[in-house]
Amino acid sequence: MILKLINFVGSLCFLLYGMKLMSDGIQKSAGQRLQAALAFMTGNRFVGLLTGCILTMIIQSSGATTVMLVSFVNAELVTVVQAIGVIFGANIGTTVTGWIVALGSSFEIKDYAIPIFGLGYLFYILKKFKSKEGFWLAIMGFGLLFFGLGGLSNFFAEPIVKSFVINFINQVNDFGIISYAIGLFIGIVLTALIHSSSAMSAIVIGMAVAMSKEGNASIEELNEFWRFGAIMIIGSSVGSTVDAILAAIGANANAKRTAAVHVLFNVATVIIALIFFKPFIAFVELVSPGHNIVFRIAMLNTAFKVMGTVIFIPFVNQISKFVSIIIKDDVVSEENVYRLEFNERMAIESPEGCVFRAQKEITVFSDVVVQMFDELQTGLLKFGKEFLETGYQQIEKLENYCDQMNEQLTQYLVRCTHLHLSDEAKDNVALMMQLIGEMESMSDGCLNIASQLKKAIEKEMSFRQEDFERLLPYFELARQLLYFIHKNVAKIQKLTQEQFDFASELEQQIDDERKALKKIARKRLESGADVKSELLYMDIIRQIEKIGDRCFDVAGDLR
């Protein structure tokens, strides 16, 4: 018996690892396009529903979808209202695993599990097919999934195990309504332990496959198992929320609200299903193909999730308001402190999502640099003590924030390099490491210019009005180049030749204007102008040109 239990645990591990390998392989194959779809295809509740459903069907993990979703809400890429539709869709999408397992069992696909795994591994190690390694990983996972399922079916088909399961269910059913609570508890706990409602449904279906083999169980015993299995499947819906809860720990209020929606929706759906359990079971039996309990369980899982979505989809806004009441807004800190937490749960469920999360922070970094530059432009227009009282302090504060971003983003990206990423994501990590260095240098340049202006104001240096009139167009050229870079940094995508030529032309105009302005300043020095003022003026010109150079370096990185 001990050997049989070891075989059970081993088969379960094959099943879980196979599902994980499938999910990771598909995510790696798709690169960051899946994360982009999740972040930008949530326009309304129905689009969000469709996005969550399709994404979860593709990656075979509602846990990965909800973890990404919580993280994206935390990063303000997605709102709570948008996230609700995705949660509903993910719950439906996760039921496709049950159908795959049910269909696979009818074709005895487990007999081909080892050849499928071997084929996937063969192509995975061949360099010629290296570009599709994510796809071959998914094939290997598919093989392992059915290999594990075959082991589970064999375990439950053992006479001693079958007898134990049947006797247990018969004894539990004698408790009447309490049997529902026991089945529910088993479904919740087992799903929470293995972190996968899909795996839980696969286990129940594996048991059903073993029980439904000719001679293994009577019609009455099959019906008893079908009802108890249905309760466990319903309970697994609550257990599946553990990933969202873990992902929300330490996150902001909106991320916690998203996790709360997932929990409340699943719990409410379970309560409704239990209240109307008998008519619901009768409905599933009516629409299921034949009298096969394997397909009944798959159908129940889908019907249960669809039912909950149909009931609650009209109340998305009300649900959002409710969770906003029970989870209060974060206390806003006046401290200028940047924090970027590395989401360990996302690193496990969706490593590509960690990279996508960093892209959002790169956009924030670029926003801050642009804000500093705009403050400088205002300082030039309002050259005087007003700049000392507001503008300089703001630039100094923002530069300190950029220093924190540089340090924490670098640490975050270094951790990303150790994840199992697609080639596209690895390239993006390397690119972002370069970008944050360039943007940090830009922020330093902005502070240097602000310091020069501060020095000039404090020492009451005089500048001619025409000097400012010449400087502002030059400054505007640098601002145009910075805004161009800012727009493309947000996308983290390669520049076209036309875009690079545009950046190159702006950079050349900045160089030409710098030469013209320095030439004018030197002539004034020769004619007896104030040396300190002219040298400071020339230094400001040089610093602005250096920011332009940094912007052009970024264009080169994006090329």
Protein backbone atom coordinates (compact mmCIF):
# COMPACT_ATOMS: atom_id res chain seq x y z
CA MET A 1 0.00 0.00 0.00
CA ILE A 2 2.88 2.37 0.78
CA LEU A 3 4.26 1.77 -2.72
CA LYS A 4 0.84 2.55 -4.18
CA LEU A 5 0.69 5.83 -2.21
CA ILE A 6 4.16 6.74 -3.48
CA ASN A 7 2.95 6.04 -7.03
CA PHE A 8 -0.07 8.28 -6.37
CA VAL A 9 2.12 11.15 -5.16
CA GLY A 10 4.48 10.68 -8.08
CA SER A 11 1.62 10.66 -10.60
CA LEU A 12 0.18 13.81 -9.00
CA CYS A 13 3.58 15.50 -9.28
CA PHE A 14 3.80 14.52 -12.97
CA LEU A 15 0.34 16.00 -13.49
CA LEU A 16 1.15 19.26 -11.71
CA TYR A 17 4.57 19.64 -13.33
CA GLY A 18 3.07 18.86 -16.73
CA MET A 19 0.51 21.63 -16.30
CA LYS A 20 3.23 24.01 -15.11
CA LEU A 21 5.43 23.12 -18.07
CA MET A 22 2.53 23.66 -20.47
CA SER A 23 1.78 27.06 -18.97
CA ASP A 24 5.43 28.18 -18.91
CA GLY A 25 6.06 26.88 -22.42
CA ILE A 26 3.07 28.68 -23.90
CA GLN A 27 3.96 31.91 -22.08
CA LYS A 28 7.57 31.66 -23.23
CA SER A 29 6.49 30.93 -26.79
CA ALA A 30 4.11 33.90 -26.85
CA GLY A 31 6.64 36.20 -25.19
CA GLN A 32 5.13 39.31 -23.63
CA ARG A 33 2.24 39.54 -26.07
CA LEU A 34 -0.04 37.76 -23.58
CA GLN A 35 0.78 40.28 -20.85
CA ALA A 36 0.24 43.13 -23.30
CA ALA A 37 -3.17 41.69 -24.19
CA LEU A 38 -4.11 41.50 -20.52
CA ALA A 39 -3.01 45.08 -19.87
CA PHE A 40 -4.55 46.71 -22.93
CA MET A 41 -7.54 44.56 -23.93
CA THR A 42 -9.73 45.27 -20.94
CA GLY A 43 -11.73 48.18 -22.33
CA ASN A 44 -15.08 47.09 -20.87
CA ARG A 45 -16.52 44.21 -18.88
CA PHE A 46 -17.25 42.05 -21.93
CA VAL A 47 -13.87 42.64 -23.57
CA GLY A 48 -12.25 41.91 -20.20
CA LEU A 49 -14.34 38.75 -19.88
CA LEU A 50 -13.23 37.58 -23.32
CA THR A 51 -9.60 38.51 -22.62
CA GLY A 52 -9.51 36.61 -19.32
CA CYS A 53 -11.22 33.58 -20.85
CA ILE A 54 -8.96 33.33 -23.92
CA LEU A 55 -5.76 34.10 -22.02
CA THR A 56 -6.49 31.44 -19.40
CA MET A 57 -7.44 28.90 -22.06
CA ILE A 58 -4.08 29.55 -23.76
CA ILE A 59 -1.81 29.41 -20.72
CA GLN A 60 -3.89 26.74 -18.93
CA SER A 61 -3.73 28.50 -15.58
CA SER A 62 -6.28 30.82 -14.00
CA GLY A 63 -3.74 31.24 -11.17
CA ALA A 64 -1.21 32.77 -13.58
CA THR A 65 -3.88 35.06 -15.04
CA THR A 66 -5.11 36.33 -11.66
CA VAL A 67 -1.57 36.79 -10.32
CA MET A 68 -0.69 38.88 -13.40
CA LEU A 69 -3.94 40.78 -12.99
CA VAL A 70 -3.34 41.63 -9.33
CA SER A 71 0.18 42.77 -10.18
CA PHE A 72 -1.03 44.93 -13.08
CA VAL A 73 -3.70 46.55 -10.92
CA ASN A 74 -0.98 47.23 -8.36
CA ALA A 75 1.05 48.90 -11.12
CA GLU A 76 -2.03 50.89 -12.24
CA LEU A 77 -1.99 49.28 -15.69
CA VAL A 78 -5.53 47.99 -15.14
CA THR A 79 -8.37 49.37 -13.01
CA VAL A 80 -10.39 47.31 -10.55
CA VAL A 81 -13.50 47.61 -12.74
CA GLN A 82 -11.57 46.29 -15.76
CA ALA A 83 -10.06 43.51 -13.65
CA ILE A 84 -13.46 42.17 -12.58
CA GLY A 85 -14.39 41.17 -16.13
CA VAL A 86 -11.01 39.45 -16.56
CA ILE A 87 -11.54 37.49 -13.32
CA PHE A 88 -14.90 36.25 -14.56
CA GLY A 89 -13.34 35.22 -17.87
CA ALA A 90 -10.38 33.47 -16.20
CA ASN A 91 -12.79 31.34 -14.16
CA ILE A 92 -14.44 30.14 -17.37
CA GLY A 93 -11.16 29.72 -19.25
CA THR A 94 -9.69 27.43 -16.61
CA THR A 95 -12.40 24.82 -17.27
CA VAL A 96 -10.88 23.96 -20.65
CA THR A 97 -8.31 21.78 -18.86
CA GLY A 98 -11.12 19.51 -17.66
CA TRP A 99 -12.38 19.10 -21.21
CA ILE A 100 -8.87 18.33 -22.50
CA VAL A 101 -8.46 15.66 -19.83
CA ALA A 102 -11.97 14.26 -20.44
CA LEU A 103 -11.47 14.08 -24.21
CA GLY A 104 -7.97 12.68 -23.76
CA SER A 105 -9.27 9.91 -21.53
CA SER A 106 -11.88 8.89 -24.10
CA PHE A 107 -9.14 8.45 -26.71
CA GLU A 108 -6.76 6.78 -24.22
CA ILE A 109 -4.24 9.52 -25.02
CA LYS A 110 -2.30 8.58 -21.90
CA ASP A 111 -0.99 5.58 -23.86
CA TYR A 112 0.84 8.08 -26.08
CA ALA A 113 2.04 10.30 -23.23
CA ILE A 114 5.65 9.09 -23.27
CA PRO A 115 6.04 9.35 -27.09
CA ILE A 116 4.52 12.87 -26.97
CA PHE A 117 6.97 13.89 -24.25
CA GLY A 118 9.88 12.29 -26.14
CA LEU A 119 8.94 14.08 -29.36
CA GLY A 120 8.75 17.41 -27.55
CA TYR A 121 12.09 16.86 -25.84
CA LEU A 122 13.78 15.81 -29.11
CA PHE A 123 12.78 19.03 -30.87
CA TYR A 124 13.54 21.05 -27.72
CA ILE A 125 17.22 20.01 -27.68
CA LEU A 126 17.74 20.40 -31.44
CA LYS A 127 19.37 23.77 -32.18
CA LYS A 128 17.49 24.04 -35.47
CA PHE A 129 14.21 24.38 -33.55
CA LYS A 130 15.61 26.50 -30.69
CA SER A 131 13.45 29.50 -31.63
CA LYS A 132 10.33 27.43 -30.83
CA GLU A 133 11.58 25.99 -27.55
CA GLY A 134 8.56 27.37 -25.65
CA PHE A 135 6.21 25.41 -27.93
CA TRP A 136 8.18 22.19 -27.43
CA LEU A 137 8.18 22.74 -23.66
CA ALA A 138 4.38 22.95 -23.86
CA ILE A 139 4.29 19.66 -25.81
CA MET A 140 6.49 18.03 -23.15
CA GLY A 141 4.12 19.35 -20.48
CA PHE A 142 1.14 17.94 -22.38
CA GLY A 143 2.78 14.51 -22.38
CA LEU A 144 3.63 14.69 -18.67
CA LEU A 145 0.08 15.78 -17.84
CA PHE A 146 -1.43 12.66 -19.39
CA PHE A 147 1.33 10.45 -18.06
CA GLY A 148 0.46 11.66 -14.56
CA LEU A 149 -3.26 11.30 -15.25
CA GLY A 150 -2.69 7.72 -16.40
CA GLY A 151 -0.89 6.99 -13.14
CA LEU A 152 -3.74 8.49 -11.12
CA SER A 153 -6.34 6.48 -13.06
CA ASN A 154 -4.37 3.29 -12.43
CA PHE A 155 -4.13 4.13 -8.74
CA PHE A 156 -7.88 4.70 -8.36
CA ALA A 157 -8.59 1.56 -10.40
CA GLU A 158 -6.81 -0.59 -7.79
CA PRO A 159 -9.46 -2.74 -6.03
CA ILE A 160 -8.34 -1.69 -2.56
CA VAL A 161 -8.33 2.03 -3.50
CA LYS A 162 -11.62 1.80 -5.38
CA SER A 163 -13.21 0.03 -2.41
CA PHE A 164 -11.90 2.67 -0.02
CA VAL A 165 -13.21 5.56 -2.20
CA ILE A 166 -16.64 3.96 -2.59
CA ASN A 167 -16.93 3.12 1.11
CA PHE A 168 -15.81 6.62 2.09
CA ILE A 169 -18.35 8.27 -0.20
CA ASN A 170 -21.14 5.96 1.01
CA GLN A 171 -20.34 6.73 4.65
CA VAL A 172 -20.13 10.46 4.01
CA ASN A 173 -23.43 10.45 2.10
CA ASP A 174 -25.10 8.94 5.16
CA PHE A 175 -24.53 12.28 6.92
CA GLY A 176 -27.00 13.99 4.61
CA ILE A 177 -26.39 17.69 4.14
CA ILE A 178 -23.15 17.49 6.16
CA SER A 179 -21.72 15.41 3.30
CA TYR A 180 -21.84 18.58 1.18
CA ALA A 181 -19.66 20.35 3.72
CA ILE A 182 -17.16 17.47 3.77
CA GLY A 183 -16.90 17.35 -0.04
CA LEU A 184 -16.64 21.13 -0.15
CA PHE A 185 -13.89 21.13 2.46
CA ILE A 186 -11.90 18.47 0.58
CA GLY A 187 -12.19 20.44 -2.67
CA ILE A 188 -11.12 23.71 -1.04
CA VAL A 189 -8.17 22.31 0.92
CA LEU A 190 -6.74 20.11 -1.85
CA THR A 191 -6.99 22.93 -4.41
CA ALA A 192 -5.36 25.40 -2.03
CA LEU A 193 -2.53 22.93 -1.39
CA ILE A 194 -1.79 22.23 -5.06
CA HIS A 195 -2.56 25.82 -6.17
CA SER A 196 -4.61 24.71 -9.17
CA SER A 197 -8.34 24.19 -9.67
CA SER A 198 -7.48 22.77 -13.10
CA ALA A 199 -5.33 20.09 -11.46
CA MET A 200 -8.10 19.39 -8.95
CA SER A 201 -10.63 18.88 -11.75
CA ALA A 202 -8.09 16.63 -13.52
CA ILE A 203 -7.74 14.53 -10.34
CA VAL A 204 -11.52 14.17 -9.97
CA ILE A 205 -11.83 13.29 -13.66
CA GLY A 206 -8.97 10.80 -13.25
CA MET A 207 -10.94 9.17 -10.45
CA ALA A 208 -14.04 9.17 -12.66
CA VAL A 209 -12.11 7.53 -15.50
CA ALA A 210 -10.97 4.73 -13.19
CA MET A 211 -14.44 4.29 -11.63
CA SER A 212 -16.30 4.26 -14.96
CA LYS A 213 -14.27 1.44 -16.47
CA GLU A 214 -16.44 -1.62 -17.04
CA GLY A 215 -16.79 -3.69 -13.92
CA ASN A 216 -15.14 -1.18 -11.61
CA ALA A 217 -18.32 0.25 -10.08
CA SER A 218 -22.07 -0.19 -10.25
CA ILE A 219 -24.44 2.43 -11.67
CA GLU A 220 -25.49 3.40 -8.14
CA GLU A 221 -21.87 3.76 -7.01
CA LEU A 222 -21.08 5.87 -10.09
CA ASN A 223 -24.00 8.17 -9.33
CA GLU A 224 -22.85 8.55 -5.72
CA PHE A 225 -19.34 9.39 -6.89
CA TRP A 226 -20.69 11.83 -9.50
CA ARG A 227 -22.54 13.87 -6.87
CA PHE A 228 -19.64 13.86 -4.42
CA GLY A 229 -17.18 14.73 -7.21
CA ALA A 230 -19.45 17.61 -8.21
CA ILE A 231 -19.25 19.01 -4.67
CA MET A 232 -15.43 18.77 -4.70
CA ILE A 233 -15.27 20.57 -8.06
CA ILE A 234 -17.48 23.34 -6.69
CA GLY A 235 -15.27 23.62 -3.59
CA SER A 236 -12.14 23.85 -5.75
CA SER A 237 -13.39 27.23 -6.96
CA VAL A 238 -12.81 28.70 -3.49
CA GLY A 239 -9.43 26.97 -3.06
CA SER A 240 -8.22 28.45 -6.36
CA THR A 241 -8.33 31.98 -4.90
CA VAL A 242 -5.22 31.34 -2.78
CA ASP A 243 -2.89 32.57 -5.56
CA ALA A 244 -4.65 35.93 -5.84
CA ILE A 245 -4.55 36.32 -2.04
CA LEU A 246 -0.81 35.61 -1.93
CA ALA A 247 -0.15 37.99 -4.84
CA ALA A 248 -2.02 40.81 -3.04
CA ILE A 249 0.05 40.59 0.16
CA GLY A 250 1.97 43.86 0.50
CA ALA A 251 0.27 45.36 -2.58
CA ASN A 252 -1.76 48.56 -2.74
CA ALA A 253 -5.46 48.89 -1.93
CA ASN A 254 -6.66 48.35 -5.50
CA ALA A 255 -4.65 45.15 -5.86
CA LYS A 256 -6.16 43.89 -2.59
CA ARG A 257 -9.61 44.83 -3.89
CA THR A 258 -8.96 42.78 -7.04
CA ALA A 259 -8.02 39.75 -4.95
CA ALA A 260 -11.11 40.37 -2.78
CA VAL A 261 -13.32 40.39 -5.88
CA HIS A 262 -11.89 37.02 -6.89
CA VAL A 263 -12.57 35.54 -3.45
CA LEU A 264 -16.06 37.06 -3.05
CA PHE A 265 -17.16 36.12 -6.57
CA ASN A 266 -16.04 32.51 -6.20
CA VAL A 267 -17.55 32.17 -2.71
CA ALA A 268 -20.86 33.72 -3.83
CA THR A 269 -21.01 31.42 -6.86
CA VAL A 270 -20.38 28.39 -4.64
CA ILE A 271 -23.17 29.43 -2.24
CA ILE A 272 -25.63 29.84 -5.13
CA ALA A 273 -24.62 26.46 -6.59
CA LEU A 274 -25.13 24.77 -3.21
CA ILE A 275 -28.54 26.39 -2.66
CA PHE A 276 -29.73 25.14 -6.06
CA PHE A 277 -27.58 22.01 -6.06
CA LYS A 278 -30.20 19.44 -7.04
CA PRO A 279 -31.72 21.37 -9.98
CA PHE A 280 -28.22 22.38 -11.04
CA ILE A 281 -27.07 18.75 -11.05
CA ALA A 282 -30.19 17.76 -12.99
CA PHE A 283 -29.45 20.45 -15.57
CA VAL A 284 -25.86 19.25 -16.02
CA GLU A 285 -27.09 15.65 -16.44
CA LEU A 286 -29.54 16.87 -19.07
CA VAL A 287 -26.98 18.74 -21.19
CA SER A 288 -24.08 16.29 -20.76
CA PRO A 289 -23.34 13.91 -23.65
CA GLY A 290 -24.59 10.40 -22.78
CA HIS A 291 -24.33 9.06 -19.24
CA ASN A 292 -20.54 9.32 -18.99
CA ILE A 293 -19.66 10.82 -15.58
CA VAL A 294 -16.27 11.92 -16.94
CA PHE A 295 -17.97 14.35 -19.31
CA ARG A 296 -20.56 15.24 -16.68
CA ILE A 297 -17.81 16.48 -14.37
CA ALA A 298 -16.21 18.53 -17.16
CA MET A 299 -19.63 19.95 -18.08
CA LEU A 300 -20.44 20.77 -14.45
CA ASN A 301 -17.17 22.69 -14.05
CA THR A 302 -17.94 24.81 -17.12
CA ALA A 303 -21.65 25.29 -16.37
CA PHE A 304 -20.86 26.29 -12.78
CA LYS A 305 -18.39 29.00 -13.84
CA VAL A 306 -20.61 30.28 -16.67
CA MET A 307 -23.59 30.45 -14.30
CA GLY A 308 -21.68 32.64 -11.86
CA THR A 309 -20.53 34.95 -14.62
CA VAL A 310 -24.01 35.35 -16.11
CA ILE A 311 -25.41 36.24 -12.67
CA PHE A 312 -22.74 38.79 -11.68
CA ILE A 313 -21.53 40.37 -14.94
CA PRO A 314 -24.31 43.04 -14.89
CA PHE A 315 -23.12 44.22 -11.46
CA VAL A 316 -19.45 44.96 -12.18
CA ASN A 317 -19.64 48.59 -11.05
CA GLN A 318 -21.56 47.71 -7.90
CA ILE A 319 -19.02 45.00 -7.03
CA SER A 320 -16.20 47.50 -7.50
CA LYS A 321 -17.91 49.98 -5.15
CA PHE A 322 -18.55 47.27 -2.56
CA VAL A 323 -14.90 46.16 -2.36
CA SER A 324 -13.90 49.84 -2.18
CA ILE A 325 -16.03 50.13 0.96
CA ILE A 326 -14.64 47.05 2.70
CA ILE A 327 -11.01 47.78 1.72
CA LYS A 328 -10.11 51.39 2.47
CA ASP A 329 -7.78 53.53 0.37
CA ASP A 330 -4.08 53.48 1.18
CA VAL A 331 -2.80 56.14 3.54
CA VAL A 332 -1.00 58.62 1.31
CA SER A 333 2.52 59.27 2.53
CA GLU A 334 4.09 62.67 2.07
CA GLU A 335 7.52 61.07 1.83
CA ASN A 336 9.15 61.11 -1.59
CA VAL A 337 9.95 57.40 -1.42
CA TYR A 338 9.95 54.96 -4.35
CA ARG A 339 9.16 51.31 -3.72
CA LEU A 340 9.21 48.45 -6.23
CA GLU A 341 8.43 45.05 -4.76
CA PHE A 342 9.48 41.92 -6.63
CA ASN A 343 6.36 39.73 -6.82
CA GLU A 344 7.55 36.22 -5.97
CA ARG A 345 4.17 34.72 -6.86
CA MET A 346 4.27 36.26 -10.32
CA ALA A 347 7.86 35.08 -10.79
CA ILE A 348 6.56 31.53 -10.30
CA GLU A 349 3.27 31.77 -12.19
CA SER A 350 4.22 34.17 -14.98
CA PRO A 351 7.89 35.25 -15.15
CA GLU A 352 7.21 37.20 -18.36
CA GLY A 353 4.76 39.31 -16.36
CA CYS A 354 7.61 40.47 -14.09
CA VAL A 355 9.36 41.95 -17.14
CA PHE A 356 6.15 43.58 -18.33
CA ARG A 357 5.76 45.09 -14.85
CA ALA A 358 9.25 46.60 -15.15
CA GLN A 359 8.29 48.20 -18.47
CA LYS A 360 5.58 50.15 -16.67
CA GLU A 361 8.18 51.46 -14.21
CA ILE A 362 10.48 52.49 -17.07
CA THR A 363 7.58 54.62 -18.34
CA VAL A 364 7.22 56.18 -14.87
CA PHE A 365 10.97 56.90 -14.82
CA SER A 366 10.68 58.62 -18.19
CA ASP A 367 7.65 60.61 -16.91
CA VAL A 368 9.71 61.93 -14.00
CA VAL A 369 12.60 63.02 -16.25
CA VAL A 370 10.15 64.84 -18.54
CA GLN A 371 8.62 66.53 -15.49
CA MET A 372 12.07 67.72 -14.39
CA PHE A 373 12.76 69.13 -17.84
CA ASP A 374 9.43 70.97 -17.86
CA GLU A 375 10.27 72.49 -14.46
CA LEU A 376 13.55 73.73 -15.94
CA GLN A 377 11.79 75.33 -18.88
CA THR A 378 9.47 77.12 -16.45
CA GLY A 379 12.55 78.25 -14.50
CA LEU A 380 14.02 79.81 -17.61
CA LEU A 381 10.80 81.61 -18.42
CA LYS A 382 10.41 82.88 -14.83
CA PHE A 383 14.06 83.51 -14.02
CA GLY A 384 14.05 84.82 -10.46
CA LYS A 385 13.53 84.00 -6.77
CA GLU A 386 10.27 82.21 -7.51
CA PHE A 387 12.35 79.42 -9.10
CA LEU A 388 14.39 79.06 -5.89
CA GLU A 389 11.27 78.76 -3.75
CA THR A 390 9.43 76.16 -5.85
CA GLY A 391 11.10 75.00 -9.07
CA TYR A 392 14.56 74.11 -7.76
CA GLN A 393 13.22 72.27 -4.73
CA GLN A 394 10.87 70.27 -6.96
CA ILE A 395 13.69 69.33 -9.35
CA GLU A 396 15.92 68.33 -6.44
CA LYS A 397 13.13 66.16 -5.01
CA LEU A 398 12.47 64.51 -8.39
CA GLU A 399 16.18 63.83 -8.92
CA ASN A 400 16.33 62.08 -5.56
CA TYR A 401 13.32 60.01 -6.64
CA CYS A 402 15.15 59.11 -9.88
CA ASP A 403 18.15 57.93 -7.85
CA GLN A 404 15.86 55.61 -5.89
CA MET A 405 14.22 54.36 -9.09
CA ASN A 406 17.61 53.70 -10.66
CA GLU A 407 18.74 51.61 -7.70
CA GLN A 408 15.55 49.61 -7.19
CA LEU A 409 14.81 49.07 -10.87
CA THR A 410 18.34 47.80 -11.41
CA GLN A 411 17.95 45.35 -8.53
CA TYR A 412 14.55 44.28 -9.90
CA LEU A 413 15.89 43.69 -13.42
CA VAL A 414 18.88 41.76 -12.09
CA ARG A 415 16.42 39.39 -10.40
CA CYS A 416 14.49 39.13 -13.67
CA THR A 417 17.62 37.89 -15.42
CA HIS A 418 17.47 34.75 -13.25
CA LEU A 419 13.93 33.89 -14.38
CA HIS A 420 13.00 31.44 -17.14
CA LEU A 421 12.26 34.03 -19.84
CA SER A 422 11.72 34.05 -23.58
CA ASP A 423 14.46 35.52 -25.77
CA GLU A 424 12.26 38.57 -26.36
CA ALA A 425 11.90 39.18 -22.63
CA LYS A 426 15.64 38.68 -22.05
CA ASP A 427 16.38 41.30 -24.72
CA ASN A 428 13.90 43.68 -23.10
CA VAL A 429 15.56 43.24 -19.69
CA ALA A 430 18.98 44.05 -21.19
CA LEU A 431 17.51 47.06 -23.01
CA MET A 432 15.82 48.38 -19.87
CA MET A 433 19.10 48.12 -17.95
CA GLN A 434 20.62 50.48 -20.53
CA LEU A 435 17.62 52.81 -20.54
CA ILE A 436 17.55 53.40 -16.79
CA GLY A 437 21.25 54.32 -16.88
CA GLU A 438 20.61 56.87 -19.62
CA MET A 439 17.58 58.33 -17.87
CA GLU A 440 19.45 58.60 -14.59
CA SER A 441 22.11 60.61 -16.42
CA MET A 442 19.39 62.85 -17.88
CA SER A 443 17.99 63.49 -14.41
CA ASP A 444 21.50 64.39 -13.19
CA GLY A 445 21.82 66.79 -16.13
CA CYS A 446 18.52 68.46 -15.24
CA LEU A 447 19.69 68.95 -11.65
CA ASN A 448 23.02 70.37 -12.86
CA ILE A 449 21.21 72.95 -15.00
CA ALA A 450 18.87 73.79 -12.11
CA SER A 451 21.92 74.25 -9.85
CA GLN A 452 23.46 76.64 -12.38
CA LEU A 453 20.25 78.67 -12.53
CA LYS A 454 20.07 78.69 -8.73
CA LYS A 455 23.65 79.90 -8.55
CA ALA A 456 22.97 82.66 -11.05
CA ILE A 457 19.87 83.85 -9.18
CA GLU A 458 21.56 83.77 -5.74
CA LYS A 459 24.55 85.74 -7.01
CA GLU A 460 22.23 88.12 -8.85
CA MET A 461 24.02 87.59 -12.14
CA SER A 462 22.57 89.56 -14.98
CA PHE A 463 21.65 88.09 -18.35
CA ARG A 464 20.41 89.97 -21.34
CA GLN A 465 16.83 89.37 -22.45
CA GLU A 466 18.12 88.38 -25.87
CA ASP A 467 20.20 85.63 -24.23
CA PHE A 468 17.05 84.00 -22.88
CA GLU A 469 15.29 84.52 -26.21
CA ARG A 470 18.10 82.59 -27.93
CA LEU A 471 18.26 79.91 -25.22
CA LEU A 472 14.55 79.01 -25.21
CA PRO A 473 14.38 77.73 -28.86
CA TYR A 474 17.52 75.68 -28.15
CA PHE A 475 15.90 74.31 -25.03
CA GLU A 476 12.75 73.54 -27.04
CA LEU A 477 14.75 71.39 -29.48
CA ALA A 478 16.06 69.32 -26.57
CA ARG A 479 12.54 69.07 -25.16
CA GLN A 480 11.20 67.77 -28.51
CA LEU A 481 13.86 65.09 -28.61
CA LEU A 482 13.18 64.15 -24.98
CA TYR A 483 9.43 63.87 -25.61
CA PHE A 484 10.06 61.76 -28.71
CA ILE A 485 12.21 59.38 -26.67
CA HIS A 486 9.68 59.38 -23.82
CA LYS A 487 6.90 58.27 -26.18
CA ASN A 488 8.95 55.37 -27.56
CA VAL A 489 10.47 54.30 -24.24
CA ALA A 490 6.92 53.67 -23.02
CA LYS A 491 6.48 51.09 -25.81
CA ILE A 492 9.92 49.43 -25.40
CA GLN A 493 10.02 48.75 -29.11
CA LYS A 494 12.58 49.21 -31.84
CA LEU A 495 12.60 52.49 -33.75
CA THR A 496 11.99 52.39 -37.46
CA GLN A 497 14.65 53.89 -39.73
CA GLU A 498 12.36 56.88 -40.28
CA GLN A 499 11.99 57.44 -36.54
CA PHE A 500 15.73 57.11 -35.95
CA ASP A 501 16.42 59.60 -38.76
CA PHE A 502 14.01 62.05 -37.09
CA ALA A 503 15.88 61.70 -33.77
CA SER A 504 19.20 62.10 -35.60
CA GLU A 505 18.02 65.28 -37.29
CA LEU A 506 16.88 66.80 -33.99
CA GLU A 507 20.18 65.89 -32.36
CA GLN A 508 22.08 67.55 -35.22
CA GLN A 509 19.99 70.71 -34.86
CA ILE A 510 20.83 70.77 -31.14
CA ASP A 511 24.55 70.48 -31.93
CA ASP A 512 24.38 73.24 -34.55
CA GLU A 513 22.48 75.54 -32.20
CA ARG A 514 24.96 74.83 -29.38
CA LYS A 515 27.86 75.89 -31.60
CA ALA A 516 26.07 79.08 -32.65
CA LEU A 517 25.23 80.03 -29.03
CA LYS A 518 28.75 79.34 -27.77
CA LYS A 519 30.19 81.39 -30.61
CA ILE A 520 28.00 84.36 -29.60
CA ALA A 521 29.03 83.96 -25.94
CA ARG A 522 32.75 83.90 -26.83
CA LYS A 523 32.39 87.08 -28.88
CA ARG A 524 30.77 88.80 -25.92
CA LEU A 525 33.65 87.67 -23.69
CA GLU A 526 36.10 89.16 -26.14
CA SER A 527 34.16 92.40 -26.10
CA GLY A 528 34.43 92.66 -22.29
CA ALA A 529 31.22 91.02 -21.02
CA ASP A 530 31.02 89.69 -17.45
CA VAL A 531 33.18 86.54 -17.39
CA LYS A 532 31.26 84.68 -14.67
CA SER A 533 27.90 85.25 -16.32
CA GLU A 534 29.12 84.20 -19.76
CA LEU A 535 30.88 81.07 -18.47
CA LEU A 536 27.75 80.07 -16.56
CA TYR A 537 25.66 80.71 -19.67
CA MET A 538 27.99 78.52 -21.74
CA ASP A 539 27.86 75.77 -19.11
CA ILE A 540 24.04 75.75 -19.25
CA ILE A 541 24.28 75.42 -23.05
CA ARG A 542 26.67 72.48 -22.65
CA GLN A 543 24.46 70.73 -20.09
CA ILE A 544 21.39 71.01 -22.32
CA GLU A 545 23.39 69.57 -25.21
CA LYS A 546 24.47 66.64 -23.02
CA ILE A 547 20.83 65.83 -22.28
CA GLY A 548 20.22 65.82 -26.02
CA ASP A 549 23.15 63.42 -26.43
CA ARG A 550 21.68 61.10 -23.82
CA CYS A 551 18.34 61.16 -25.63
CA PHE A 552 20.08 60.25 -28.88
CA ASP A 553 21.92 57.42 -27.08
CA VAL A 554 18.50 56.06 -26.05
CA ALA A 555 17.40 56.27 -29.69
CA GLY A 556 20.46 54.22 -30.56
CA ASP A 557 19.54 51.65 -27.89
CA LEU A 558 16.02 51.40 -29.31
CA ARG A 559 17.20 51.09 -32.91
